[in-house]
Amino acid sequence: MTDLDAIRSDLLADIAGAADAAAIEAIRVRALGKQGQVTGLLKTLGGMTPDQRQAEGPRIHALREAVTAAIAERKAAIEAAALDGRLAAERLDMGLPVASAPQGSVHPVSQVMDELAEIFADLGFAVATGPEIEDDWHNFTALNIPETHPARAMHDTFYFDRTDDAGRKMLLRTHTSPVQIRTMASQKPPIRIIAPGRTYRSDSDATHTPMFHQVEGLVIDRGIHMGHLKWTLETFVKAYFERDDIVLRLRPSYFPFTEPSAEVDVGYTRDKSGRRVIGGAEPEGWMELLGSGMVHPPGIAACGLDPQEWQGFAFGCGIDRLAMLKYGMDDLRAFFDGDLRWLRHYGFAALDVPTLSGGVGA
């Protein structure tokens, strides 16, 4: 039998002296590979007598375990040393000044969306979303808008030249009201949501664009009435414009999906330059802000709910218009022109967290 102590001593010395990963791998193959020295000793156990195997077996297995452990330890030490070397060589001085100031800004529409989500979250509302490519049932029929309603005309709606699997016409949604329908059809009351998002109508001038942003709100619960609607809108408008002297006026109106319906006007005063400013205990005039009303019973029934048990209110307004009123823009088309000068002036700092106290050039 080969002198195991001598083999052990030689192998452990070679392992301890290995300089890099390649050297330690070569020793592993020489000792533990298929033709390795220790592997050869293990193979001799099969030809020994029982007494010899009982005497030499534990010594050979102990040799294999010692070599295996030494190789693993040395390999870990080599890798740790290599990592320390890289960390020392690739060190980055975080105290150096940046090459340039941060570029880009938060678009006013994104800023207002964040503000809306923050305000309504405090009132217990969740944010709901839905597809921008809709079918005419969710966009019109379920909202009590019949085939003959002007909103379905080609001059107002972008239709696709195809239908869905149920044979319904496909279109770009004209409002976010379909999100209300989808929520009522998939979620049990009580429901409190806002539905912000992009909408599309064939219209373009200083205050209208073919694509614009809208937010709608929906509450479905038992015992809901106009008083709940008015309080919610007053709380929202005061929080958004950050003024307690906001005065709202509800005017009777007509919307197919609400009954009764009301246009909501906000009072304004004028500053020294004659510019209209939202707020004032004694308004000098009124500005239309949003539409609202109690959810029409057919709309509730269309979603599988009993209108005798559940009532609710809904409201909606343009996010772009809210941004214009709060931050002083006068042309909606500039929102989508991509003019860097406009974005630098009206945008919000990229690394700042949007807050309700932000403003022009924040």
Protein backbone atom coordinates (compact mmCIF):
# COMPACT_ATOMS: atom_id res chain seq x y z
CA MET A 1 0.00 0.00 0.00
CA THR A 2 1.30 3.43 -1.00
CA ASP A 3 2.29 5.70 1.85
CA LEU A 4 -0.98 7.68 2.31
CA ASP A 5 0.56 10.17 4.72
CA ALA A 6 3.16 11.20 2.12
CA ILE A 7 0.49 11.57 -0.60
CA ARG A 8 -1.69 13.63 1.73
CA SER A 9 1.18 15.90 2.68
CA ASP A 10 2.24 16.49 -0.95
CA LEU A 11 -1.29 17.21 -2.19
CA LEU A 12 -2.13 19.60 0.64
CA ALA A 13 1.14 21.46 0.05
CA ASP A 14 0.39 21.80 -3.66
CA ILE A 15 -3.13 23.03 -2.92
CA ALA A 16 -1.91 25.63 -0.43
CA GLY A 17 0.59 26.92 -3.00
CA ALA A 18 -1.89 27.19 -5.91
CA ALA A 19 -1.73 30.77 -7.23
CA ASP A 20 -4.92 31.01 -9.25
CA ALA A 21 -8.12 29.23 -10.25
CA ALA A 22 -6.43 27.42 -13.14
CA ALA A 23 -3.79 25.96 -10.83
CA ILE A 24 -6.30 24.75 -8.27
CA GLU A 25 -8.37 23.13 -11.03
CA ALA A 26 -5.29 21.29 -12.34
CA ILE A 27 -4.61 19.89 -8.85
CA ARG A 28 -8.24 18.79 -8.52
CA VAL A 29 -8.05 16.85 -11.79
CA ARG A 30 -4.68 15.31 -10.81
CA ALA A 31 -6.02 14.15 -7.44
CA LEU A 32 -9.75 13.55 -7.87
CA GLY A 33 -10.31 13.23 -11.62
CA LYS A 34 -11.14 9.94 -13.32
CA GLN A 35 -7.42 9.11 -13.59
CA GLY A 36 -6.49 10.98 -10.40
CA GLN A 37 -4.16 9.77 -7.71
CA VAL A 38 -6.78 9.56 -4.96
CA THR A 39 -9.33 8.09 -7.35
CA GLY A 40 -6.82 5.31 -8.17
CA LEU A 41 -6.45 4.49 -4.50
CA LEU A 42 -10.23 4.21 -4.14
CA LYS A 43 -10.34 1.76 -7.03
CA THR A 44 -7.87 -0.54 -5.24
CA LEU A 45 -10.37 -1.18 -2.45
CA GLY A 46 -12.26 -3.63 -4.66
CA GLY A 47 -9.25 -5.96 -4.90
CA MET A 48 -8.46 -6.07 -1.20
CA THR A 49 -9.38 -8.72 1.29
CA PRO A 50 -12.05 -7.81 3.85
CA ASP A 51 -9.43 -7.30 6.52
CA GLN A 52 -7.30 -5.06 4.30
CA ARG A 53 -10.38 -3.09 3.21
CA GLN A 54 -11.40 -2.57 6.83
CA ALA A 55 -7.94 -1.26 7.67
CA GLU A 56 -7.18 0.88 4.59
CA GLY A 57 -10.66 2.01 3.52
CA PRO A 58 -11.17 4.65 6.24
CA ARG A 59 -7.67 6.08 5.57
CA ILE A 60 -8.29 6.44 1.81
CA HIS A 61 -11.72 8.00 2.31
CA ALA A 62 -10.26 10.39 4.88
CA LEU A 63 -7.61 11.39 2.32
CA ARG A 64 -10.28 12.13 -0.32
CA GLU A 65 -12.29 14.23 2.13
CA ALA A 66 -9.23 16.20 3.26
CA VAL A 67 -8.17 16.95 -0.32
CA THR A 68 -11.72 17.91 -1.35
CA ALA A 69 -12.10 20.29 1.61
CA ALA A 70 -8.68 21.86 1.02
CA ILE A 71 -9.43 22.45 -2.67
CA ALA A 72 -12.78 24.11 -1.85
CA GLU A 73 -11.21 26.33 0.81
CA ARG A 74 -8.34 27.41 -1.44
CA LYS A 75 -10.68 28.05 -4.38
CA ALA A 76 -12.89 30.31 -2.19
CA ALA A 77 -9.82 32.21 -0.98
CA ILE A 78 -8.57 32.75 -4.56
CA GLU A 79 -12.00 34.00 -5.70
CA ALA A 80 -12.28 36.34 -2.69
CA ALA A 81 -8.83 37.77 -3.41
CA ALA A 82 -9.75 38.30 -7.08
CA LEU A 83 -12.96 40.11 -6.06
CA ASP A 84 -11.07 42.33 -3.61
CA GLY A 85 -8.65 43.19 -6.38
CA ARG A 86 -11.47 44.16 -8.74
CA LEU A 87 -13.21 46.26 -6.11
CA ALA A 88 -9.98 48.12 -5.40
CA ALA A 89 -9.20 48.68 -9.08
CA GLU A 90 -12.73 49.64 -10.15
CA ARG A 91 -13.53 52.00 -7.28
CA LEU A 92 -15.82 54.92 -8.19
CA ASP A 93 -15.44 58.22 -6.39
CA MET A 94 -19.02 59.22 -5.59
CA GLY A 95 -17.78 62.59 -4.39
CA LEU A 96 -16.99 63.75 -7.92
CA PRO A 97 -19.41 66.30 -9.40
CA VAL A 98 -21.89 65.04 -12.02
CA ALA A 99 -21.10 65.81 -15.61
CA SER A 100 -24.35 67.71 -16.11
CA ALA A 101 -27.64 68.50 -14.42
CA PRO A 102 -30.46 65.91 -14.70
CA GLN A 103 -32.36 66.17 -17.96
CA GLY A 104 -36.08 65.84 -18.56
CA SER A 105 -39.15 66.74 -16.54
CA VAL A 106 -42.50 65.34 -15.45
CA HIS A 107 -45.24 66.31 -17.92
CA PRO A 108 -48.07 68.38 -16.41
CA VAL A 109 -50.58 65.65 -17.35
CA SER A 110 -48.59 63.07 -15.38
CA GLN A 111 -48.31 65.53 -12.51
CA VAL A 112 -52.08 66.09 -12.41
CA MET A 113 -52.78 62.35 -12.61
CA ASP A 114 -50.58 61.85 -9.55
CA GLU A 115 -52.42 64.64 -7.74
CA LEU A 116 -55.82 63.14 -8.58
CA ALA A 117 -54.78 59.69 -7.36
CA GLU A 118 -53.47 61.23 -4.13
CA ILE A 119 -56.62 63.27 -3.46
CA PHE A 120 -59.10 60.48 -4.18
CA ALA A 121 -57.04 57.90 -2.30
CA ASP A 122 -57.63 60.03 0.79
CA LEU A 123 -61.36 59.77 0.05
CA GLY A 124 -61.25 55.97 -0.21
CA PHE A 125 -61.21 55.67 -4.02
CA ALA A 126 -59.16 53.12 -5.96
CA VAL A 127 -57.70 53.69 -9.43
CA ALA A 128 -59.24 51.52 -12.18
CA THR A 129 -58.07 51.09 -15.76
CA GLY A 130 -59.46 49.54 -18.94
CA PRO A 131 -58.65 49.03 -22.64
CA GLU A 132 -58.39 52.03 -24.95
CA ILE A 133 -59.71 49.94 -27.86
CA GLU A 134 -63.30 49.24 -26.86
CA ASP A 135 -66.46 47.68 -28.26
CA ASP A 136 -69.60 49.73 -28.79
CA TRP A 137 -71.51 47.86 -26.08
CA HIS A 138 -69.18 48.96 -23.28
CA ASN A 139 -68.63 52.40 -24.81
CA PHE A 140 -72.24 53.23 -25.69
CA THR A 141 -75.02 50.66 -25.22
CA ALA A 142 -74.37 49.81 -21.57
CA LEU A 143 -74.27 53.53 -20.84
CA ASN A 144 -77.81 54.04 -22.17
CA ILE A 145 -76.55 55.67 -25.38
CA PRO A 146 -78.74 54.31 -28.22
CA GLU A 147 -77.77 53.70 -31.83
CA THR A 148 -79.29 57.03 -32.87
CA HIS A 149 -77.34 59.14 -30.35
CA PRO A 150 -75.05 61.76 -31.97
CA ALA A 151 -72.05 60.49 -29.97
CA ARG A 152 -72.03 57.40 -32.19
CA ALA A 153 -71.66 59.43 -35.37
CA MET A 154 -68.51 58.92 -37.45
CA HIS A 155 -67.53 62.59 -37.10
CA ASP A 156 -67.13 62.15 -33.34
CA THR A 157 -65.84 58.56 -32.92
CA PHE A 158 -62.86 56.70 -34.38
CA TYR A 159 -64.23 53.33 -35.52
CA PHE A 160 -62.21 50.30 -36.63
CA ASP A 161 -63.14 48.37 -39.76
CA ARG A 162 -63.71 45.16 -37.79
CA THR A 163 -65.82 43.65 -35.05
CA ASP A 164 -65.08 41.48 -32.03
CA ASP A 165 -66.05 37.81 -31.63
CA ALA A 166 -69.55 38.86 -30.52
CA GLY A 167 -70.06 40.96 -33.67
CA ARG A 168 -69.74 44.27 -31.84
CA LYS A 169 -68.10 47.25 -33.53
CA MET A 170 -64.64 48.17 -32.27
CA LEU A 171 -63.56 51.76 -31.66
CA LEU A 172 -61.22 54.02 -29.75
CA ARG A 173 -63.01 54.82 -26.50
CA THR A 174 -64.56 58.29 -26.44
CA HIS A 175 -64.51 58.49 -22.63
CA THR A 176 -63.35 56.38 -19.70
CA SER A 177 -66.94 55.45 -18.80
CA PRO A 178 -66.43 51.89 -20.14
CA VAL A 179 -64.11 51.37 -17.17
CA GLN A 180 -67.09 52.06 -14.92
CA ILE A 181 -69.14 49.42 -16.75
CA ARG A 182 -66.36 46.84 -16.58
CA THR A 183 -65.86 47.52 -12.88
CA MET A 184 -69.57 47.20 -12.04
CA ALA A 185 -69.78 43.98 -14.06
CA SER A 186 -66.75 42.38 -12.38
CA GLN A 187 -66.76 43.75 -8.85
CA LYS A 188 -69.38 43.54 -6.13
CA PRO A 189 -70.50 46.81 -4.51
CA PRO A 190 -69.66 48.95 -2.67
CA ILE A 191 -67.53 50.51 -5.41
CA ARG A 192 -65.44 53.68 -5.22
CA ILE A 193 -63.12 54.23 -8.18
CA ILE A 194 -61.61 56.86 -10.41
CA ALA A 195 -60.76 55.97 -13.99
CA PRO A 196 -58.05 58.19 -15.51
CA GLY A 197 -56.72 57.60 -18.99
CA ARG A 198 -56.48 58.52 -22.65
CA THR A 199 -59.62 59.02 -24.74
CA TYR A 200 -60.19 59.80 -28.41
CA ARG A 201 -62.60 61.99 -30.36
CA SER A 202 -62.42 63.48 -33.83
CA ASP A 203 -61.96 67.09 -32.77
CA SER A 204 -59.09 69.58 -32.91
CA ASP A 205 -58.73 73.24 -31.91
CA ALA A 206 -57.15 75.32 -29.13
CA THR A 207 -59.20 73.56 -26.45
CA HIS A 208 -59.76 70.15 -28.10
CA THR A 209 -57.39 67.49 -29.44
CA PRO A 210 -58.10 64.11 -31.11
CA MET A 211 -56.47 62.43 -28.11
CA PHE A 212 -56.94 63.80 -24.62
CA HIS A 213 -56.94 62.65 -21.01
CA GLN A 214 -60.01 62.22 -18.88
CA VAL A 215 -60.77 61.15 -15.34
CA GLU A 216 -64.12 59.77 -14.26
CA GLY A 217 -65.32 58.81 -10.83
CA LEU A 218 -67.90 56.24 -9.77
CA VAL A 219 -69.52 55.39 -6.45
CA ILE A 220 -71.99 52.51 -6.10
CA ASP A 221 -73.48 51.76 -2.69
CA ARG A 222 -76.74 51.70 -0.79
CA GLY A 223 -78.51 54.96 -0.02
CA ILE A 224 -76.35 57.18 -2.24
CA HIS A 225 -77.85 60.59 -3.15
CA MET A 226 -76.92 63.96 -4.68
CA GLY A 227 -75.64 65.24 -1.35
CA HIS A 228 -72.84 62.67 -1.43
CA LEU A 229 -71.98 63.75 -4.97
CA LYS A 230 -71.85 67.46 -4.11
CA TRP A 231 -69.69 66.91 -1.01
CA THR A 232 -67.25 64.70 -2.93
CA LEU A 233 -66.86 67.23 -5.75
CA GLU A 234 -66.40 70.15 -3.34
CA THR A 235 -63.77 68.24 -1.37
CA PHE A 236 -61.96 67.26 -4.55
CA VAL A 237 -61.93 70.75 -6.11
CA LYS A 238 -60.79 72.44 -2.89
CA ALA A 239 -57.95 69.94 -2.48
CA TYR A 240 -56.89 70.18 -6.12
CA PHE A 241 -56.81 73.98 -6.33
CA GLU A 242 -55.57 74.21 -2.72
CA ARG A 243 -58.16 76.79 -1.72
CA ASP A 244 -60.94 76.64 0.84
CA ASP A 245 -62.95 79.49 -0.72
CA ILE A 246 -64.06 77.40 -3.71
CA VAL A 247 -67.73 77.83 -4.67
CA LEU A 248 -69.44 75.29 -6.92
CA ARG A 249 -72.68 75.65 -8.84
CA LEU A 250 -74.65 72.63 -10.11
CA ARG A 251 -76.78 73.28 -13.19
CA PRO A 252 -79.39 70.79 -14.44
CA SER A 253 -78.18 69.06 -17.58
CA TYR A 254 -78.60 65.86 -19.60
CA PHE A 255 -76.35 62.84 -19.91
CA PRO A 256 -77.74 59.48 -21.11
CA PHE A 257 -76.00 57.56 -18.35
CA THR A 258 -76.99 59.74 -15.37
CA GLU A 259 -80.39 60.87 -14.10
CA PRO A 260 -80.62 63.49 -12.74
CA SER A 261 -77.56 65.09 -14.33
CA ALA A 262 -75.71 68.28 -13.51
CA GLU A 263 -73.01 70.42 -15.05
CA VAL A 264 -70.65 71.67 -12.36
CA ASP A 265 -69.36 75.24 -12.57
CA VAL A 266 -66.63 76.69 -10.39
CA GLY A 267 -66.56 80.30 -9.35
CA TYR A 268 -63.66 82.54 -10.29
CA THR A 269 -62.35 86.03 -9.57
CA ARG A 270 -59.89 88.15 -11.55
CA ASP A 271 -56.45 89.29 -10.50
CA LYS A 272 -54.96 92.73 -11.25
CA SER A 273 -54.00 91.68 -14.77
CA GLY A 274 -57.55 90.54 -15.48
CA ARG A 275 -56.65 86.87 -15.53
CA ARG A 276 -59.30 84.53 -14.17
CA VAL A 277 -58.33 82.83 -10.89
CA ILE A 278 -60.26 79.83 -9.57
CA GLY A 279 -61.76 80.56 -6.15
CA GLY A 280 -63.19 83.45 -4.21
CA ALA A 281 -65.99 83.60 -1.70
CA GLU A 282 -67.87 86.02 -3.97
CA PRO A 283 -67.33 84.79 -7.55
CA GLU A 284 -67.19 87.32 -10.38
CA GLY A 285 -68.14 84.64 -12.87
CA TRP A 286 -68.55 80.93 -13.44
CA MET A 287 -66.51 78.43 -15.42
CA GLU A 288 -67.74 74.99 -16.45
CA LEU A 289 -65.52 72.37 -14.86
CA LEU A 290 -67.07 68.91 -15.12
CA GLY A 291 -70.20 66.84 -15.66
CA SER A 292 -71.89 64.66 -13.08
CA GLY A 293 -75.07 62.99 -11.95
CA MET A 294 -76.70 59.98 -10.36
CA VAL A 295 -76.03 56.74 -12.23
CA HIS A 296 -79.04 55.96 -14.43
CA PRO A 297 -80.81 52.74 -13.29
CA PRO A 298 -80.51 51.11 -16.78
CA GLY A 299 -76.74 51.41 -16.51
CA ILE A 300 -76.75 49.68 -13.13
CA ALA A 301 -79.06 46.95 -14.43
CA ALA A 302 -76.91 46.43 -17.55
CA CYS A 303 -74.06 45.34 -15.26
CA GLY A 304 -76.16 42.75 -13.45
CA LEU A 305 -76.92 44.84 -10.35
CA ASP A 306 -80.35 45.58 -8.91
CA PRO A 307 -80.99 49.37 -9.17
CA GLN A 308 -83.59 49.02 -6.41
CA GLU A 309 -80.81 47.96 -4.04
CA TRP A 310 -77.81 49.86 -5.36
CA GLN A 311 -77.51 53.54 -6.24
CA GLY A 312 -74.55 55.66 -7.18
CA PHE A 313 -73.13 58.80 -8.70
CA ALA A 314 -70.60 59.48 -11.42
CA PHE A 315 -68.60 62.46 -12.61
CA GLY A 316 -65.99 63.22 -15.23
CA CYS A 317 -63.70 65.97 -16.44
CA GLY A 318 -60.67 66.51 -18.66
CA ILE A 319 -57.29 66.08 -16.99
CA ASP A 320 -55.67 68.37 -19.55
CA ARG A 321 -58.24 71.06 -18.71
CA LEU A 322 -57.53 70.68 -15.00
CA ALA A 323 -53.83 71.19 -15.72
CA MET A 324 -54.56 74.28 -17.80
CA LEU A 325 -56.69 75.86 -15.07
CA LYS A 326 -54.22 75.20 -12.26
CA TYR A 327 -50.91 75.82 -14.00
CA GLY A 328 -51.80 78.59 -16.44
CA MET A 329 -51.61 77.04 -19.93
CA ASP A 330 -53.86 78.56 -22.58
CA ASP A 331 -53.55 76.17 -25.53
CA LEU A 332 -54.24 72.46 -25.23
CA ARG A 333 -52.32 71.66 -28.42
CA ALA A 334 -49.03 72.63 -26.74
CA PHE A 335 -49.42 69.63 -24.42
CA PHE A 336 -48.59 67.30 -27.31
CA ASP A 337 -46.28 69.40 -29.51
CA GLY A 338 -43.14 68.15 -27.76
CA ASP A 339 -41.63 71.66 -27.56
CA LEU A 340 -38.75 71.41 -25.08
CA ARG A 341 -39.07 75.07 -24.13
CA TRP A 342 -42.69 74.50 -23.11
CA LEU A 343 -41.82 71.32 -21.22
CA ARG A 344 -38.95 73.00 -19.36
CA HIS A 345 -41.25 75.84 -18.31
CA TYR A 346 -44.34 73.87 -17.33
CA GLY A 347 -42.77 70.52 -16.48
CA PHE A 348 -41.88 69.32 -13.00
CA ALA A 349 -38.38 68.38 -11.86
CA ALA A 350 -37.62 64.76 -12.76
CA LEU A 351 -36.17 63.85 -9.36
CA ASP A 352 -38.82 65.62 -7.29
CA VAL A 353 -41.83 63.82 -5.87
CA PRO A 354 -44.95 65.55 -7.28
CA THR A 355 -46.91 67.31 -4.55
CA LEU A 356 -50.10 69.27 -4.35
CA SER A 357 -48.09 72.43 -3.71
CA GLY A 358 -46.20 72.24 -7.03
CA GLY A 359 -46.63 74.93 -9.65
CA VAL A 360 -45.33 76.44 -12.83
CA GLY A 361 -41.61 75.85 -13.18
CA ALA A 362 -41.48 73.75 -10.02
